[in-house]
Amino acid sequence: MSLPEAYAPLRYAAGQISHDQWPALKQAGLAAVINLRPDSEQPGVDEAALVRAAGLAYHALPIASGDDLDRVRVAHFAELLQTHAEQPLLIHCASANRVGALVALHAAWHQGMAAEEAIALGRRAGLLGLEPCVRELLADA
């Protein structure tokens, strides 16, 4: 198994990864995972244990909906990106839509990227249905 296509150097976005794929992703060079799915989306699954058993660093940053896209969570996302600045990092949710939303907001709010550029980057990371929400947040900034 290879890593998903990168949306930026050392940064990968994906929907839900199958539980048996974590070891193969580690072998492909992945170092860390940020899971954006709340526990309620994965009842009975201990993804943290599965990811760590594969030898990967694991972080949970639950984003249930556009209502959770705020400056506090985006700042936490920025900290996690910085923690793994030199390592291949996979960010995932169910479809990558929330990944793309966080990527776009981070690019605008923490990297000073213009709104349209940030949204284009977010789209490369999976932004789809949350784009109107992201646009509204960027306009309010």
C-alpha atoms as a PDB file:
ATOM      1  CA  MET A   1       0.000   0.000   0.000  1.00  0.00           C
ATOM      2  CA  SER A   2       1.222   3.492  -0.783  1.00  0.00           C
ATOM      3  CA  LEU A   3       0.416   6.738   0.947  1.00  0.00           C
ATOM      4  CA  PRO A   4      -2.491   8.805  -0.397  1.00  0.00           C
ATOM      5  CA  GLU A   5      -1.577  11.680  -2.706  1.00  0.00           C
ATOM      6  CA  ALA A   6      -0.062  14.548  -0.759  1.00  0.00           C
ATOM      7  CA  TYR A   7      -1.904  17.873  -0.675  1.00  0.00           C
ATOM      8  CA  ALA A   8       1.347  19.526   0.512  1.00  0.00           C
ATOM      9  CA  PRO A   9       4.853  18.223   1.280  1.00  0.00           C
ATOM     10  CA  LEU A  10       4.647  15.503   3.944  1.00  0.00           C
ATOM     11  CA  ARG A  11       0.891  16.112   4.352  1.00  0.00           C
ATOM     12  CA  TYR A  12      -1.728  13.573   3.348  1.00  0.00           C
ATOM     13  CA  ALA A  13      -5.518  13.689   3.563  1.00  0.00           C
ATOM     14  CA  ALA A  14      -7.913  10.747   3.441  1.00  0.00           C
ATOM     15  CA  GLY A  15     -11.282   9.436   4.352  1.00  0.00           C
ATOM     16  CA  GLN A  16     -11.536   6.590   6.830  1.00  0.00           C
ATOM     17  CA  ILE A  17      -8.666   4.127   6.647  1.00  0.00           C
ATOM     18  CA  SER A  18      -9.419   0.419   7.068  1.00  0.00           C
ATOM     19  CA  HIS A  19      -8.228  -0.933  10.393  1.00  0.00           C
ATOM     20  CA  ASP A  20      -5.879  -3.414   8.745  1.00  0.00           C
ATOM     21  CA  GLN A  21      -4.155  -0.742   6.622  1.00  0.00           C
ATOM     22  CA  TRP A  22      -2.290   1.084   9.397  1.00  0.00           C
ATOM     23  CA  PRO A  23       0.758  -1.248   9.393  1.00  0.00           C
ATOM     24  CA  ALA A  24       1.089  -0.915   5.606  1.00  0.00           C
ATOM     25  CA  LEU A  25       0.903   2.872   5.863  1.00  0.00           C
ATOM     26  CA  LYS A  26       3.665   2.776   8.473  1.00  0.00           C
ATOM     27  CA  GLN A  27       5.764   0.666   6.097  1.00  0.00           C
ATOM     28  CA  ALA A  28       5.067   3.180   3.316  1.00  0.00           C
ATOM     29  CA  GLY A  29       6.665   5.876   5.483  1.00  0.00           C
ATOM     30  CA  LEU A  30       3.824   7.439   7.444  1.00  0.00           C
ATOM     31  CA  ALA A  31       4.829   8.696  10.901  1.00  0.00           C
ATOM     32  CA  ALA A  32       1.691  10.155  12.463  1.00  0.00           C
ATOM     33  CA  VAL A  33      -2.099  10.374  12.206  1.00  0.00           C
ATOM     34  CA  ILE A  34      -4.639  13.028  13.131  1.00  0.00           C
ATOM     35  CA  ASN A  35      -8.154  11.610  13.364  1.00  0.00           C
ATOM     36  CA  LEU A  36     -10.907  14.219  13.020  1.00  0.00           C
ATOM     37  CA  ARG A  37     -13.759  11.775  13.600  1.00  0.00           C
ATOM     38  CA  PRO A  38     -15.524  11.958  16.960  1.00  0.00           C
ATOM     39  CA  ASP A  39     -15.842   8.682  18.877  1.00  0.00           C
ATOM     40  CA  SER A  40     -19.572   8.676  18.114  1.00  0.00           C
ATOM     41  CA  GLU A  41     -18.760   8.061  14.435  1.00  0.00           C
ATOM     42  CA  GLN A  42     -16.766   4.937  15.233  1.00  0.00           C
ATOM     43  CA  PRO A  43     -18.550   3.145  18.069  1.00  0.00           C
ATOM     44  CA  GLY A  44     -16.642   0.191  19.422  1.00  0.00           C
ATOM     45  CA  VAL A  45     -13.453   1.030  17.499  1.00  0.00           C
ATOM     46  CA  ASP A  46     -10.301   2.035  19.342  1.00  0.00           C
ATOM     47  CA  GLU A  47      -8.493   3.663  16.450  1.00  0.00           C
ATOM     48  CA  ALA A  48      -5.856   5.127  18.758  1.00  0.00           C
ATOM     49  CA  ALA A  49      -4.823   1.630  19.844  1.00  0.00           C
ATOM     50  CA  LEU A  50      -4.795   0.338  16.260  1.00  0.00           C
ATOM     51  CA  VAL A  51      -2.696   3.229  14.996  1.00  0.00           C
ATOM     52  CA  ARG A  52      -0.263   3.082  17.906  1.00  0.00           C
ATOM     53  CA  ALA A  53       0.058  -0.705  17.547  1.00  0.00           C
ATOM     54  CA  ALA A  54       1.202  -0.071  13.979  1.00  0.00           C
ATOM     55  CA  GLY A  55       3.966   2.177  15.342  1.00  0.00           C
ATOM     56  CA  LEU A  56       2.445   5.526  14.429  1.00  0.00           C
ATOM     57  CA  ALA A  57       1.884   8.605  16.558  1.00  0.00           C
ATOM     58  CA  TYR A  58      -1.824   9.288  17.051  1.00  0.00           C
ATOM     59  CA  HIS A  59      -3.803  12.443  17.750  1.00  0.00           C
ATOM     60  CA  ALA A  60      -7.560  12.928  18.009  1.00  0.00           C
ATOM     61  CA  LEU A  61      -9.040  16.301  17.095  1.00  0.00           C
ATOM     62  CA  PRO A  62     -12.797  15.681  16.866  1.00  0.00           C
ATOM     63  CA  ILE A  63     -14.633  17.835  14.325  1.00  0.00           C
ATOM     64  CA  ALA A  64     -18.249  16.681  14.117  1.00  0.00           C
ATOM     65  CA  SER A  65     -19.527  19.426  11.812  1.00  0.00           C
ATOM     66  CA  GLY A  66     -18.938  22.935  10.574  1.00  0.00           C
ATOM     67  CA  ASP A  67     -19.978  24.177  14.008  1.00  0.00           C
ATOM     68  CA  ASP A  68     -16.686  22.789  15.348  1.00  0.00           C
ATOM     69  CA  LEU A  69     -14.559  24.802  12.929  1.00  0.00           C
ATOM     70  CA  ASP A  70     -13.327  27.551  15.202  1.00  0.00           C
ATOM     71  CA  ARG A  71     -10.082  29.335  15.940  1.00  0.00           C
ATOM     72  CA  VAL A  72      -9.347  27.176  19.003  1.00  0.00           C
ATOM     73  CA  ARG A  73      -9.512  23.920  17.051  1.00  0.00           C
ATOM     74  CA  VAL A  74      -7.617  25.382  14.107  1.00  0.00           C
ATOM     75  CA  ALA A  75      -4.905  26.556  16.534  1.00  0.00           C
ATOM     76  CA  HIS A  76      -4.722  23.041  17.979  1.00  0.00           C
ATOM     77  CA  PHE A  77      -4.441  21.701  14.424  1.00  0.00           C
ATOM     78  CA  ALA A  78      -1.569  24.157  13.813  1.00  0.00           C
ATOM     79  CA  GLU A  79       0.209  22.846  16.932  1.00  0.00           C
ATOM     80  CA  LEU A  80      -0.156  19.253  15.740  1.00  0.00           C
ATOM     81  CA  LEU A  81       1.175  20.159  12.293  1.00  0.00           C
ATOM     82  CA  GLN A  82       4.151  21.846  13.944  1.00  0.00           C
ATOM     83  CA  THR A  83       4.761  18.847  16.199  1.00  0.00           C
ATOM     84  CA  HIS A  84       5.151  16.709  13.087  1.00  0.00           C
ATOM     85  CA  ALA A  85       6.653  19.395  10.823  1.00  0.00           C
ATOM     86  CA  GLU A  86       9.353  17.113   9.427  1.00  0.00           C
ATOM     87  CA  GLN A  87       7.331  13.890   9.378  1.00  0.00           C
ATOM     88  CA  PRO A  88       4.814  12.384   6.963  1.00  0.00           C
ATOM     89  CA  LEU A  89       1.416  13.044   8.540  1.00  0.00           C
ATOM     90  CA  LEU A  90      -2.018  11.715   7.548  1.00  0.00           C
ATOM     91  CA  ILE A  91      -5.106  13.682   8.531  1.00  0.00           C
ATOM     92  CA  HIS A  92      -8.398  11.857   8.097  1.00  0.00           C
ATOM     93  CA  CYS A  93     -12.121  11.935   8.750  1.00  0.00           C
ATOM     94  CA  ALA A  94     -14.869   9.942   7.038  1.00  0.00           C
ATOM     95  CA  SER A  95     -14.472  11.554   3.601  1.00  0.00           C
ATOM     96  CA  ALA A  96     -11.638  14.157   3.898  1.00  0.00           C
ATOM     97  CA  ASN A  97     -14.158  17.038   3.745  1.00  0.00           C
ATOM     98  CA  ARG A  98     -13.396  18.120   7.328  1.00  0.00           C
ATOM     99  CA  VAL A  99      -9.684  17.686   6.612  1.00  0.00           C
ATOM    100  CA  GLY A 100      -9.937  20.100   3.711  1.00  0.00           C
ATOM    101  CA  ALA A 101     -11.877  22.575   5.821  1.00  0.00           C
ATOM    102  CA  LEU A 102      -9.219  22.599   8.557  1.00  0.00           C
ATOM    103  CA  VAL A 103      -6.431  22.805   5.998  1.00  0.00           C
ATOM    104  CA  ALA A 104      -8.035  25.850   4.349  1.00  0.00           C
ATOM    105  CA  LEU A 105      -8.674  27.645   7.643  1.00  0.00           C
ATOM    106  CA  HIS A 106      -5.161  26.890   8.886  1.00  0.00           C
ATOM    107  CA  ALA A 107      -3.651  28.171   5.642  1.00  0.00           C
ATOM    108  CA  ALA A 108      -5.585  31.445   5.894  1.00  0.00           C
ATOM    109  CA  TRP A 109      -5.452  32.071   9.643  1.00  0.00           C
ATOM    110  CA  HIS A 110      -1.990  30.729  10.486  1.00  0.00           C
ATOM    111  CA  GLN A 111      -0.038  31.018   7.250  1.00  0.00           C
ATOM    112  CA  GLY A 112      -1.518  34.247   5.908  1.00  0.00           C
ATOM    113  CA  MET A 113      -2.686  32.678   2.659  1.00  0.00           C
ATOM    114  CA  ALA A 114      -5.311  34.576   0.676  1.00  0.00           C
ATOM    115  CA  ALA A 115      -8.817  33.129   0.982  1.00  0.00           C
ATOM    116  CA  GLU A 116      -9.048  31.743  -2.571  1.00  0.00           C
ATOM    117  CA  GLU A 117      -5.608  30.148  -2.332  1.00  0.00           C
ATOM    118  CA  ALA A 118      -6.505  28.631   1.032  1.00  0.00           C
ATOM    119  CA  ILE A 119      -9.744  27.231  -0.353  1.00  0.00           C
ATOM    120  CA  ALA A 120      -7.897  25.765  -3.355  1.00  0.00           C
ATOM    121  CA  LEU A 121      -5.470  24.065  -0.958  1.00  0.00           C
ATOM    122  CA  GLY A 122      -8.416  22.848   1.101  1.00  0.00           C
ATOM    123  CA  ARG A 123      -9.977  21.352  -2.015  1.00  0.00           C
ATOM    124  CA  ARG A 124      -6.731  19.455  -2.728  1.00  0.00           C
ATOM    125  CA  ALA A 125      -7.105  18.039   0.790  1.00  0.00           C
ATOM    126  CA  GLY A 126     -10.763  17.044   0.298  1.00  0.00           C
ATOM    127  CA  LEU A 127     -12.870  20.150   0.961  1.00  0.00           C
ATOM    128  CA  LEU A 128     -16.318  19.760  -0.587  1.00  0.00           C
ATOM    129  CA  GLY A 129     -19.558  20.254   1.330  1.00  0.00           C
ATOM    130  CA  LEU A 130     -18.029  22.435   4.039  1.00  0.00           C
ATOM    131  CA  GLU A 131     -16.739  25.005   1.545  1.00  0.00           C
ATOM    132  CA  PRO A 132     -19.620  27.478   2.170  1.00  0.00           C
ATOM    133  CA  CYS A 133     -18.927  27.288   5.908  1.00  0.00           C
ATOM    134  CA  VAL A 134     -15.200  27.856   5.341  1.00  0.00           C
ATOM    135  CA  ARG A 135     -15.910  30.798   3.039  1.00  0.00           C
ATOM    136  CA  GLU A 136     -18.162  32.347   5.690  1.00  0.00           C
ATOM    137  CA  LEU A 137     -15.522  31.917   8.404  1.00  0.00           C
ATOM    138  CA  LEU A 138     -12.850  33.441   6.176  1.00  0.00           C
ATOM    139  CA  ALA A 139     -15.115  36.363   5.271  1.00  0.00           C
ATOM    140  CA  ASP A 140     -15.818  37.031   8.952  1.00  0.00           C
ATOM    141  CA  ALA A 141     -12.098  37.135   9.712  1.00  0.00           C
END
